[in-house]
Amino acid sequence: MRAAARYYEERRIGLGNLFLNEVEHAVAFAAEHPSAGTALGDGFRWALTRRFRHAVIYRERAGGIEVIAVAHLRRRPGYWRDRT
């Protein structure tokens, strides 16, 4: 996530912060509506950012969600599964 924010910031000043805000929005949405994210199997779901090609990968836990990755949608599918 930090690397993506740096990448966007290098492209245009302020774009990195916009990216981080979008990720925060997706995390907040997932936390408020954990079952609304698209199911990925094995209990994982994703919530998309609105302006960027990224998704917040998470799973429900007692009392909230656990964020596994902020994944670029063009990257190899499922690369984040090793993090669990």
PDB file of N, CA and C in Angstrom:
ATOM      1  N   MET A   1       0.837  -1.174   0.000  1.00  0.00           N
ATOM      2  CA  MET A   1       0.000   0.000   0.000  1.00  0.00           C
ATOM      3  C   MET A   1       0.889   1.248   0.000  1.00  0.00           C
ATOM      4  N   ARG A   2       1.911   1.234   0.828  1.00  0.00           N
ATOM      5  CA  ARG A   2       2.807   2.407   0.864  1.00  0.00           C
ATOM      6  C   ARG A   2       3.528   2.591  -0.461  1.00  0.00           C
ATOM      7  N   ALA A   3       3.953   1.484  -1.063  1.00  0.00           N
ATOM      8  CA  ALA A   3       4.641   1.572  -2.355  1.00  0.00           C
ATOM      9  C   ALA A   3       3.708   2.133  -3.419  1.00  0.00           C
ATOM     10  N   ALA A   4       2.463   1.709  -3.406  1.00  0.00           N
ATOM     11  CA  ALA A   4       1.489   2.242  -4.366  1.00  0.00           C
ATOM     12  C   ALA A   4       1.250   3.722  -4.135  1.00  0.00           C
ATOM     13  N   ALA A   5       1.154   4.127  -2.870  1.00  0.00           N
ATOM     14  CA  ALA A   5       0.955   5.551  -2.560  1.00  0.00           C
ATOM     15  C   ALA A   5       2.144   6.375  -3.051  1.00  0.00           C
ATOM     16  N   ARG A   6       3.372   5.868  -2.853  1.00  0.00           N
ATOM     17  CA  ARG A   6       4.558   6.581  -3.354  1.00  0.00           C
ATOM     18  C   ARG A   6       4.527   6.679  -4.874  1.00  0.00           C
ATOM     19  N   TYR A   7       4.168   5.576  -5.526  1.00  0.00           N
ATOM     20  CA  TYR A   7       4.083   5.560  -6.986  1.00  0.00           C
ATOM     21  C   TYR A   7       3.115   6.640  -7.481  1.00  0.00           C
ATOM     22  N   TYR A   8       1.918   6.673  -6.904  1.00  0.00           N
ATOM     23  CA  TYR A   8       0.929   7.664  -7.332  1.00  0.00           C
ATOM     24  C   TYR A   8       1.387   9.086  -7.018  1.00  0.00           C
ATOM     25  N   GLU A   9       2.031   9.275  -5.886  1.00  0.00           N
ATOM     26  CA  GLU A   9       2.504  10.609  -5.508  1.00  0.00           C
ATOM     27  C   GLU A   9       3.580  11.104  -6.469  1.00  0.00           C
ATOM     28  N   GLU A  10       4.410  10.185  -6.953  1.00  0.00           N
ATOM     29  CA  GLU A  10       5.440  10.551  -7.935  1.00  0.00           C
ATOM     30  C   GLU A  10       4.816  10.970  -9.257  1.00  0.00           C
ATOM     31  N   ARG A  11       3.657  10.431  -9.563  1.00  0.00           N
ATOM     32  CA  ARG A  11       2.976  10.769 -10.812  1.00  0.00           C
ATOM     33  C   ARG A  11       2.310  12.140 -10.732  1.00  0.00           C
ATOM     34  N   ARG A  12       1.721  12.438  -9.587  1.00  0.00           N
ATOM     35  CA  ARG A  12       1.058  13.727  -9.395  1.00  0.00           C
ATOM     36  C   ARG A  12       0.979  14.027  -7.901  1.00  0.00           C
ATOM     37  N   ILE A  13       1.399  15.194  -7.517  1.00  0.00           N
ATOM     38  CA  ILE A  13       1.359  15.590  -6.111  1.00  0.00           C
ATOM     39  C   ILE A  13      -0.086  15.538  -5.618  1.00  0.00           C
ATOM     40  N   GLY A  14      -0.265  14.869  -4.499  1.00  0.00           N
ATOM     41  CA  GLY A  14      -1.590  14.724  -3.903  1.00  0.00           C
ATOM     42  C   GLY A  14      -2.293  13.433  -4.276  1.00  0.00           C
ATOM     43  N   LEU A  15      -1.854  12.788  -5.339  1.00  0.00           N
ATOM     44  CA  LEU A  15      -2.507  11.561  -5.786  1.00  0.00           C
ATOM     45  C   LEU A  15      -2.249  10.407  -4.807  1.00  0.00           C
ATOM     46  N   GLY A  16      -1.082  10.390  -4.185  1.00  0.00           N
ATOM     47  CA  GLY A  16      -0.792   9.360  -3.191  1.00  0.00           C
ATOM     48  C   GLY A  16      -1.737   9.454  -2.002  1.00  0.00           C
ATOM     49  N   ASN A  17      -1.992  10.671  -1.538  1.00  0.00           N
ATOM     50  CA  ASN A  17      -2.936  10.844  -0.429  1.00  0.00           C
ATOM     51  C   ASN A  17      -4.356  10.484  -0.844  1.00  0.00           C
ATOM     52  N   LEU A  18      -4.709  10.793  -2.062  1.00  0.00           N
ATOM     53  CA  LEU A  18      -6.031  10.415  -2.562  1.00  0.00           C
ATOM     54  C   LEU A  18      -6.172   8.889  -2.569  1.00  0.00           C
ATOM     55  N   PHE A  19      -5.126   8.206  -2.995  1.00  0.00           N
ATOM     56  CA  PHE A  19      -5.132   6.747  -2.975  1.00  0.00           C
ATOM     57  C   PHE A  19      -5.338   6.222  -1.554  1.00  0.00           C
ATOM     58  N   LEU A  20      -4.572   6.750  -0.602  1.00  0.00           N
ATOM     59  CA  LEU A  20      -4.708   6.305   0.794  1.00  0.00           C
ATOM     60  C   LEU A  20      -6.101   6.578   1.340  1.00  0.00           C
ATOM     61  N   ASN A  21      -6.685   7.702   0.973  1.00  0.00           N
ATOM     62  CA  ASN A  21      -8.056   8.010   1.398  1.00  0.00           C
ATOM     63  C   ASN A  21      -9.050   7.009   0.816  1.00  0.00           C
ATOM     64  N   GLU A  22      -8.854   6.623  -0.435  1.00  0.00           N
ATOM     65  CA  GLU A  22      -9.730   5.639  -1.067  1.00  0.00           C
ATOM     66  C   GLU A  22      -9.624   4.284  -0.374  1.00  0.00           C
ATOM     67  N   VAL A  23      -8.401   3.908   0.000  1.00  0.00           N
ATOM     68  CA  VAL A  23      -8.207   2.649   0.718  1.00  0.00           C
ATOM     69  C   VAL A  23      -8.913   2.722   2.073  1.00  0.00           C
ATOM     70  N   GLU A  24      -8.749   3.838   2.781  1.00  0.00           N
ATOM     71  CA  GLU A  24      -9.425   4.008   4.071  1.00  0.00           C
ATOM     72  C   GLU A  24     -10.940   3.907   3.916  1.00  0.00           C
ATOM     73  N   HIS A  25     -11.468   4.488   2.853  1.00  0.00           N
ATOM     74  CA  HIS A  25     -12.911   4.428   2.598  1.00  0.00           C
ATOM     75  C   HIS A  25     -13.350   2.978   2.371  1.00  0.00           C
ATOM     76  N   ALA A  26     -12.580   2.232   1.592  1.00  0.00           N
ATOM     77  CA  ALA A  26     -12.920   0.829   1.320  1.00  0.00           C
ATOM     78  C   ALA A  26     -12.850  -0.008   2.604  1.00  0.00           C
ATOM     79  N   VAL A  27     -11.861   0.261   3.447  1.00  0.00           N
ATOM     80  CA  VAL A  27     -11.743  -0.467   4.713  1.00  0.00           C
ATOM     81  C   VAL A  27     -12.927  -0.136   5.615  1.00  0.00           C
ATOM     82  N   ALA A  28     -13.286   1.141   5.688  1.00  0.00           N
ATOM     83  CA  ALA A  28     -14.423   1.553   6.524  1.00  0.00           C
ATOM     84  C   ALA A  28     -15.714   0.899   6.040  1.00  0.00           C
ATOM     85  N   PHE A  29     -15.897   0.864   4.720  1.00  0.00           N
ATOM     86  CA  PHE A  29     -17.085   0.222   4.164  1.00  0.00           C
ATOM     87  C   PHE A  29     -17.116  -1.259   4.534  1.00  0.00           C
ATOM     88  N   ALA A  30     -15.970  -1.937   4.382  1.00  0.00           N
ATOM     89  CA  ALA A  30     -15.893  -3.362   4.702  1.00  0.00           C
ATOM     90  C   ALA A  30     -16.154  -3.602   6.185  1.00  0.00           C
ATOM     91  N   ALA A  31     -15.661  -2.722   7.025  1.00  0.00           N
ATOM     92  CA  ALA A  31     -15.866  -2.883   8.466  1.00  0.00           C
ATOM     93  C   ALA A  31     -17.336  -2.704   8.840  1.00  0.00           C
ATOM     94  N   GLU A  32     -18.015  -1.771   8.176  1.00  0.00           N
ATOM     95  CA  GLU A  32     -19.425  -1.518   8.466  1.00  0.00           C
ATOM     96  C   GLU A  32     -20.351  -2.566   7.842  1.00  0.00           C
ATOM     97  N   HIS A  33     -19.945  -3.099   6.698  1.00  0.00           N
ATOM     98  CA  HIS A  33     -20.766  -4.059   5.946  1.00  0.00           C
ATOM     99  C   HIS A  33     -19.901  -5.242   5.505  1.00  0.00           C
ATOM    100  N   PRO A  34     -19.417  -6.046   6.440  1.00  0.00           N
ATOM    101  CA  PRO A  34     -18.451  -7.093   6.077  1.00  0.00           C
ATOM    102  C   PRO A  34     -18.963  -8.120   5.071  1.00  0.00           C
ATOM    103  N   SER A  35     -20.238  -8.380   5.040  1.00  0.00           N
ATOM    104  CA  SER A  35     -20.738  -9.380   4.097  1.00  0.00           C
ATOM    105  C   SER A  35     -21.048  -8.790   2.725  1.00  0.00           C
ATOM    106  N   ALA A  36     -20.877  -7.491   2.550  1.00  0.00           N
ATOM    107  CA  ALA A  36     -21.180  -6.844   1.272  1.00  0.00           C
ATOM    108  C   ALA A  36     -20.059  -7.013   0.244  1.00  0.00           C
ATOM    109  N   GLY A  37     -18.844  -7.281   0.697  1.00  0.00           N
ATOM    110  CA  GLY A  37     -17.737  -7.439  -0.233  1.00  0.00           C
ATOM    111  C   GLY A  37     -17.903  -8.689  -1.085  1.00  0.00           C
ATOM    112  N   THR A  38     -17.287  -8.684  -2.240  1.00  0.00           N
ATOM    113  CA  THR A  38     -17.351  -9.822  -3.152  1.00  0.00           C
ATOM    114  C   THR A  38     -16.601 -11.008  -2.549  1.00  0.00           C
ATOM    115  N   ALA A  39     -17.263 -12.156  -2.468  1.00  0.00           N
ATOM    116  CA  ALA A  39     -16.651 -13.355  -1.893  1.00  0.00           C
ATOM    117  C   ALA A  39     -15.571 -13.909  -2.812  1.00  0.00           C
ATOM    118  N   LEU A  40     -14.440 -14.291  -2.209  1.00  0.00           N
ATOM    119  CA  LEU A  40     -13.319 -14.860  -2.953  1.00  0.00           C
ATOM    120  C   LEU A  40     -13.075 -16.320  -2.600  1.00  0.00           C
ATOM    121  N   GLY A  41     -13.877 -16.862  -1.701  1.00  0.00           N
ATOM    122  CA  GLY A  41     -13.687 -18.237  -1.250  1.00  0.00           C
ATOM    123  C   GLY A  41     -12.849 -18.290   0.016  1.00  0.00           C
ATOM    124  N   ASP A  42     -12.977 -19.375   0.750  1.00  0.00           N
ATOM    125  CA  ASP A  42     -12.232 -19.590   1.997  1.00  0.00           C
ATOM    126  C   ASP A  42     -12.442 -18.474   3.018  1.00  0.00           C
ATOM    127  N   GLY A  43     -13.590 -17.792   2.950  1.00  0.00           N
ATOM    128  CA  GLY A  43     -13.897 -16.743   3.912  1.00  0.00           C
ATOM    129  C   GLY A  43     -13.341 -15.369   3.574  1.00  0.00           C
ATOM    130  N   PHE A  44     -12.652 -15.244   2.452  1.00  0.00           N
ATOM    131  CA  PHE A  44     -12.084 -13.954   2.053  1.00  0.00           C
ATOM    132  C   PHE A  44     -13.074 -13.179   1.201  1.00  0.00           C
ATOM    133  N   ARG A  45     -12.988 -11.864   1.295  1.00  0.00           N
ATOM    134  CA  ARG A  45     -13.812 -10.964   0.486  1.00  0.00           C
ATOM    135  C   ARG A  45     -12.951  -9.789   0.047  1.00  0.00           C
ATOM    136  N   TRP A  46     -13.481  -9.048  -0.917  1.00  0.00           N
ATOM    137  CA  TRP A  46     -12.785  -7.817  -1.281  1.00  0.00           C
ATOM    138  C   TRP A  46     -13.764  -6.665  -1.375  1.00  0.00           C
ATOM    139  N   ALA A  47     -13.234  -5.477  -1.105  1.00  0.00           N
ATOM    140  CA  ALA A  47     -13.954  -4.219  -1.270  1.00  0.00           C
ATOM    141  C   ALA A  47     -13.107  -3.368  -2.202  1.00  0.00           C
ATOM    142  N   LEU A  48     -13.701  -2.902  -3.265  1.00  0.00           N
ATOM    143  CA  LEU A  48     -12.963  -2.135  -4.273  1.00  0.00           C
ATOM    144  C   LEU A  48     -12.815  -0.674  -3.879  1.00  0.00           C
ATOM    145  N   THR A  49     -11.693  -0.082  -4.298  1.00  0.00           N
ATOM    146  CA  THR A  49     -11.559   1.363  -4.199  1.00  0.00           C
ATOM    147  C   THR A  49     -12.323   1.961  -5.373  1.00  0.00           C
ATOM    148  N   ARG A  50     -12.728   3.197  -5.244  1.00  0.00           N
ATOM    149  CA  ARG A  50     -13.555   3.800  -6.291  1.00  0.00           C
ATOM    150  C   ARG A  50     -12.748   4.306  -7.478  1.00  0.00           C
ATOM    151  N   ARG A  51     -11.603   4.902  -7.240  1.00  0.00           N
ATOM    152  CA  ARG A  51     -10.869   5.558  -8.322  1.00  0.00           C
ATOM    153  C   ARG A  51      -9.608   4.828  -8.774  1.00  0.00           C
ATOM    154  N   PHE A  52      -9.239   3.804  -8.062  1.00  0.00           N
ATOM    155  CA  PHE A  52      -7.984   3.115  -8.356  1.00  0.00           C
ATOM    156  C   PHE A  52      -8.266   1.644  -8.603  1.00  0.00           C
ATOM    157  N   ARG A  53      -7.364   0.988  -9.288  1.00  0.00           N
ATOM    158  CA  ARG A  53      -7.528  -0.446  -9.594  1.00  0.00           C
ATOM    159  C   ARG A  53      -6.980  -1.299  -8.452  1.00  0.00           C
ATOM    160  N   HIS A  54      -7.485  -1.055  -7.267  1.00  0.00           N
ATOM    161  CA  HIS A  54      -7.059  -1.782  -6.079  1.00  0.00           C
ATOM    162  C   HIS A  54      -8.270  -2.278  -5.309  1.00  0.00           C
ATOM    163  N   ALA A  55      -8.057  -3.344  -4.575  1.00  0.00           N
ATOM    164  CA  ALA A  55      -9.097  -3.890  -3.706  1.00  0.00           C
ATOM    165  C   ALA A  55      -8.503  -4.160  -2.338  1.00  0.00           C
ATOM    166  N   VAL A  56      -9.321  -3.982  -1.317  1.00  0.00           N
ATOM    167  CA  VAL A  56      -8.944  -4.346   0.036  1.00  0.00           C
ATOM    168  C   VAL A  56      -9.418  -5.787   0.239  1.00  0.00           C
ATOM    169  N   ILE A  57      -8.478  -6.699   0.483  1.00  0.00           N
ATOM    170  CA  ILE A  57      -8.794  -8.098   0.720  1.00  0.00           C
ATOM    171  C   ILE A  57      -8.904  -8.278   2.233  1.00  0.00           C
ATOM    172  N   TYR A  58     -10.009  -8.866   2.680  1.00  0.00           N
ATOM    173  CA  TYR A  58     -10.227  -8.997   4.120  1.00  0.00           C
ATOM    174  C   TYR A  58     -11.024 -10.256   4.424  1.00  0.00           C
ATOM    175  N   ARG A  59     -11.102 -10.554   5.702  1.00  0.00           N
ATOM    176  CA  ARG A  59     -11.991 -11.611   6.163  1.00  0.00           C
ATOM    177  C   ARG A  59     -12.613 -11.150   7.478  1.00  0.00           C
ATOM    178  N   GLU A  60     -13.806 -11.661   7.734  1.00  0.00           N
ATOM    179  CA  GLU A  60     -14.500 -11.306   8.967  1.00  0.00           C
ATOM    180  C   GLU A  60     -13.834 -11.986  10.147  1.00  0.00           C
ATOM    181  N   ARG A  61     -13.757 -11.272  11.230  1.00  0.00           N
ATOM    182  CA  ARG A  61     -13.254 -11.782  12.495  1.00  0.00           C
ATOM    183  C   ARG A  61     -14.222 -11.333  13.580  1.00  0.00           C
ATOM    184  N   ALA A  62     -14.161 -11.966  14.720  1.00  0.00           N
ATOM    185  CA  ALA A  62     -15.015 -11.566  15.840  1.00  0.00           C
ATOM    186  C   ALA A  62     -14.758 -10.091  16.143  1.00  0.00           C
ATOM    187  N   GLY A  63     -15.804  -9.317  16.077  1.00  0.00           N
ATOM    188  CA  GLY A  63     -15.688  -7.900  16.394  1.00  0.00           C
ATOM    189  C   GLY A  63     -15.176  -7.026  15.271  1.00  0.00           C
ATOM    190  N   GLY A  64     -15.036  -7.538  14.054  1.00  0.00           N
ATOM    191  CA  GLY A  64     -14.573  -6.686  12.963  1.00  0.00           C
ATOM    192  C   GLY A  64     -14.064  -7.470  11.770  1.00  0.00           C
ATOM    193  N   ILE A  65     -13.101  -6.860  11.093  1.00  0.00           N
ATOM    194  CA  ILE A  65     -12.496  -7.499   9.926  1.00  0.00           C
ATOM    195  C   ILE A  65     -10.990  -7.529  10.104  1.00  0.00           C
ATOM    196  N   GLU A  66     -10.348  -8.411   9.360  1.00  0.00           N
ATOM    197  CA  GLU A  66      -8.890  -8.473   9.298  1.00  0.00           C
ATOM    198  C   GLU A  66      -8.493  -8.185   7.854  1.00  0.00           C
ATOM    199  N   VAL A  67      -7.746  -7.118   7.642  1.00  0.00           N
ATOM    200  CA  VAL A  67      -7.288  -6.771   6.307  1.00  0.00           C
ATOM    201  C   VAL A  67      -6.053  -7.606   6.002  1.00  0.00           C
ATOM    202  N   ILE A  68      -6.106  -8.311   4.885  1.00  0.00           N
ATOM    203  CA  ILE A  68      -5.013  -9.184   4.465  1.00  0.00           C
ATOM    204  C   ILE A  68      -4.084  -8.469   3.493  1.00  0.00           C
ATOM    205  N   ALA A  69      -4.665  -7.707   2.566  1.00  0.00           N
ATOM    206  CA  ALA A  69      -3.852  -7.040   1.552  1.00  0.00           C
ATOM    207  C   ALA A  69      -4.628  -5.895   0.925  1.00  0.00           C
ATOM    208  N   VAL A  70      -3.879  -4.971   0.354  1.00  0.00           N
ATOM    209  CA  VAL A  70      -4.416  -3.983  -0.569  1.00  0.00           C
ATOM    210  C   VAL A  70      -3.805  -4.377  -1.905  1.00  0.00           C
ATOM    211  N   ALA A  71      -4.616  -4.993  -2.753  1.00  0.00           N
ATOM    212  CA  ALA A  71      -4.117  -5.653  -3.956  1.00  0.00           C
ATOM    213  C   ALA A  71      -4.467  -4.884  -5.225  1.00  0.00           C
ATOM    214  N   HIS A  72      -3.481  -4.748  -6.104  1.00  0.00           N
ATOM    215  CA  HIS A  72      -3.735  -4.197  -7.429  1.00  0.00           C
ATOM    216  C   HIS A  72      -4.484  -5.255  -8.226  1.00  0.00           C
ATOM    217  N   LEU A  73      -5.518  -4.865  -8.927  1.00  0.00           N
ATOM    218  CA  LEU A  73      -6.370  -5.822  -9.630  1.00  0.00           C
ATOM    219  C   LEU A  73      -5.708  -6.453 -10.851  1.00  0.00           C
ATOM    220  N   ARG A  74      -4.600  -5.883 -11.312  1.00  0.00           N
ATOM    221  CA  ARG A  74      -3.892  -6.461 -12.456  1.00  0.00           C
ATOM    222  C   ARG A  74      -2.801  -7.438 -12.039  1.00  0.00           C
ATOM    223  N   ARG A  75      -2.540  -7.501 -10.748  1.00  0.00           N
ATOM    224  CA  ARG A  75      -1.501  -8.396 -10.259  1.00  0.00           C
ATOM    225  C   ARG A  75      -1.985  -9.837 -10.274  1.00  0.00           C
ATOM    226  N   ARG A  76      -1.071 -10.784 -10.203  1.00  0.00           N
ATOM    227  CA  ARG A  76      -1.409 -12.202 -10.233  1.00  0.00           C
ATOM    228  C   ARG A  76      -2.505 -12.517  -9.211  1.00  0.00           C
ATOM    229  N   PRO A  77      -3.633 -13.067  -9.635  1.00  0.00           N
ATOM    230  CA  PRO A  77      -4.735 -13.366  -8.712  1.00  0.00           C
ATOM    231  C   PRO A  77      -4.296 -14.289  -7.580  1.00  0.00           C
ATOM    232  N   GLY A  78      -4.707 -13.957  -6.384  1.00  0.00           N
ATOM    233  CA  GLY A  78      -4.437 -14.798  -5.235  1.00  0.00           C
ATOM    234  C   GLY A  78      -3.040 -14.716  -4.668  1.00  0.00           C
ATOM    235  N   TYR A  79      -2.192 -13.796  -5.158  1.00  0.00           N
ATOM    236  CA  TYR A  79      -0.820 -13.709  -4.659  1.00  0.00           C
ATOM    237  C   TYR A  79      -0.769 -13.436  -3.153  1.00  0.00           C
ATOM    238  N   TRP A  80      -1.801 -12.848  -2.632  1.00  0.00           N
ATOM    239  CA  TRP A  80      -1.859 -12.454  -1.232  1.00  0.00           C
ATOM    240  C   TRP A  80      -2.207 -13.623  -0.304  1.00  0.00           C
ATOM    241  N   ARG A  81      -2.621 -14.748  -0.840  1.00  0.00           N
ATOM    242  CA  ARG A  81      -3.051 -15.886   0.002  1.00  0.00           C
ATOM    243  C   ARG A  81      -1.924 -16.401   0.904  1.00  0.00           C
ATOM    244  N   ASP A  82      -0.687 -16.235   0.523  1.00  0.00           N
ATOM    245  CA  ASP A  82       0.433 -16.678   1.360  1.00  0.00           C
ATOM    246  C   ASP A  82       0.525 -15.866   2.653  1.00  0.00           C
ATOM    247  N   ARG A  83      -0.114 -14.735   2.724  1.00  0.00           N
ATOM    248  CA  ARG A  83      -0.065 -13.876   3.902  1.00  0.00           C
ATOM    249  C   ARG A  83      -0.922 -14.375   5.046  1.00  0.00           C
ATOM    250  N   THR A  84      -1.769 -15.343   4.760  1.00  0.00           N
ATOM    251  CA  THR A  84      -2.681 -15.829   5.793  1.00  0.00           C
ATOM    252  C   THR A  84      -2.026 -16.938   6.534  1.00  0.00           C
TER     253      THR A  84
END
